[in-house]
Amino acid sequence: VSSALSDFGISSARLGGNALARGKIADDWQNNEASGTFVLLLSLGENASGTNLTAASHVVFLQTMLTPSIDKAKQYELQAIGRACRQGQKRSVVQVWRFVTSNTVEEVLHK
């Protein structure tokens, strides 16, 4: 995803690593208007807790979270949406998008 964004001239940062590293990246993305980073990429598995993204205007799910049950996967996704809608969010609306590949098990799970 990062390389595709780059091909279109869209800067991105990946939120990963330990809690301190994630905190620095998230803080820069949310609070440094001069950073130029437009998209923040993260994994639900790596960032399941402690990451508030109140600068987000969109939440986009590209892949279903692999969990023992679809209910658990949905809980992770709802938690991710909640992180973008926390106290401090300046936008009245946060768009949520889900991409699902057609003719796959993923499509069956989301119907």
Protein backbone atom coordinates (compact mmCIF):
# COMPACT_ATOMS: atom_id res chain seq x y z
CA VAL A 1 0.00 0.00 0.00
CA SER A 2 2.84 2.34 0.88
CA SER A 3 4.52 1.94 -2.50
CA ALA A 4 1.22 2.46 -4.35
CA LEU A 5 0.60 5.68 -2.42
CA SER A 6 4.14 6.80 -3.20
CA ASP A 7 3.57 6.14 -6.92
CA PHE A 8 0.76 8.71 -6.74
CA GLY A 9 2.87 11.21 -4.79
CA ILE A 10 1.04 10.63 -1.50
CA SER A 11 3.30 10.55 1.54
CA SER A 12 2.65 7.95 4.23
CA ALA A 13 4.12 6.66 7.47
CA ARG A 14 3.81 3.16 8.93
CA LEU A 15 2.83 2.95 12.58
CA GLY A 16 4.78 0.02 13.97
CA GLY A 17 7.48 -0.98 16.42
CA ASN A 18 7.41 -0.61 20.19
CA ALA A 19 5.03 1.69 22.07
CA LEU A 20 7.53 4.56 22.23
CA ALA A 21 8.22 4.46 18.48
CA ARG A 22 4.49 4.25 17.69
CA GLY A 23 3.81 7.18 20.01
CA LYS A 24 6.38 9.39 18.26
CA ILE A 25 5.06 8.53 14.78
CA ALA A 26 1.41 9.06 15.80
CA ASP A 27 2.21 12.31 17.58
CA ASP A 28 4.07 13.66 14.54
CA TRP A 29 1.24 12.62 12.20
CA GLN A 30 -1.45 14.22 14.38
CA ASN A 31 0.26 17.37 15.59
CA ASN A 32 2.98 18.41 13.15
CA GLU A 33 1.27 20.25 10.30
CA ALA A 34 4.65 20.68 8.59
CA SER A 35 5.34 16.92 8.48
CA GLY A 36 3.65 16.43 5.10
CA THR A 37 2.62 12.87 5.99
CA PHE A 38 -0.88 12.47 4.65
CA VAL A 39 -1.62 8.78 5.32
CA LEU A 40 -0.88 6.74 8.41
CA LEU A 41 -0.73 2.99 7.78
CA LEU A 42 -1.12 0.56 10.65
CA SER A 43 -1.98 -3.01 11.44
CA LEU A 44 -4.86 -3.78 13.77
CA GLY A 45 -2.81 -6.61 15.23
CA GLU A 46 0.18 -4.41 16.07
CA ASN A 47 -1.84 -1.42 17.24
CA ALA A 48 -4.74 -3.04 19.06
CA SER A 49 -4.35 -0.84 22.11
CA GLY A 50 -3.19 2.59 23.15
CA THR A 51 -3.28 4.40 19.80
CA ASN A 52 -5.65 7.35 19.55
CA LEU A 53 -5.88 8.93 16.11
CA THR A 54 -8.04 12.00 16.57
CA ALA A 55 -6.57 13.69 13.47
CA ALA A 56 -8.05 10.99 11.23
CA SER A 57 -10.74 11.90 8.73
CA HIS A 58 -11.04 8.38 7.29
CA VAL A 59 -10.59 4.83 8.56
CA VAL A 60 -9.96 2.33 5.76
CA PHE A 61 -9.89 -1.44 6.32
CA LEU A 62 -7.93 -3.22 3.60
CA GLN A 63 -7.82 -6.66 5.18
CA THR A 64 -9.92 -8.52 7.70
CA MET A 65 -8.23 -9.09 11.07
CA LEU A 66 -7.33 -12.75 11.47
CA THR A 67 -8.93 -13.86 14.72
CA PRO A 68 -10.55 -17.03 16.06
CA SER A 69 -14.01 -15.61 15.25
CA ILE A 70 -15.59 -12.98 13.00
CA ASP A 71 -17.09 -11.37 16.13
CA LYS A 72 -13.60 -10.81 17.55
CA ALA A 73 -12.46 -9.33 14.22
CA LYS A 74 -15.43 -6.94 14.27
CA GLN A 75 -14.54 -5.90 17.84
CA TYR A 76 -11.03 -4.95 16.67
CA GLU A 77 -12.48 -2.95 13.79
CA LEU A 78 -14.98 -1.13 16.02
CA GLN A 79 -12.15 -0.35 18.42
CA ALA A 80 -10.13 1.11 15.51
CA ILE A 81 -13.06 3.29 14.47
CA GLY A 82 -13.41 4.42 18.09
CA ARG A 83 -9.75 5.49 18.16
CA ALA A 84 -10.48 7.97 15.36
CA CYS A 85 -13.59 9.30 17.12
CA ARG A 86 -12.14 9.91 20.59
CA GLN A 87 -12.33 13.09 22.62
CA GLY A 88 -10.22 15.67 20.83
CA GLN A 89 -11.49 14.82 17.35
CA LYS A 90 -12.20 18.10 15.58
CA ARG A 91 -14.25 16.60 12.75
CA SER A 92 -17.95 15.94 13.16
CA VAL A 93 -17.78 13.04 10.67
CA VAL A 94 -15.13 10.33 10.19
CA GLN A 95 -15.57 8.25 7.02
CA VAL A 96 -15.14 4.48 7.36
CA TRP A 97 -14.35 2.36 4.30
CA ARG A 98 -13.90 -1.39 3.94
CA PHE A 99 -12.32 -3.01 0.91
CA VAL A 100 -13.30 -6.63 0.37
CA THR A 101 -11.98 -8.78 -2.47
CA SER A 102 -14.82 -10.34 -4.44
CA ASN A 103 -15.17 -14.11 -4.79
CA THR A 104 -13.17 -14.82 -1.61
CA VAL A 105 -13.88 -16.23 1.84
CA GLU A 106 -13.55 -12.66 3.10
CA GLU A 107 -16.53 -11.64 0.97
CA VAL A 108 -18.61 -14.49 2.42
CA LEU A 109 -17.71 -13.45 5.97
CA HIS A 110 -18.81 -9.86 5.40
CA LYS A 111 -22.19 -10.63 3.85
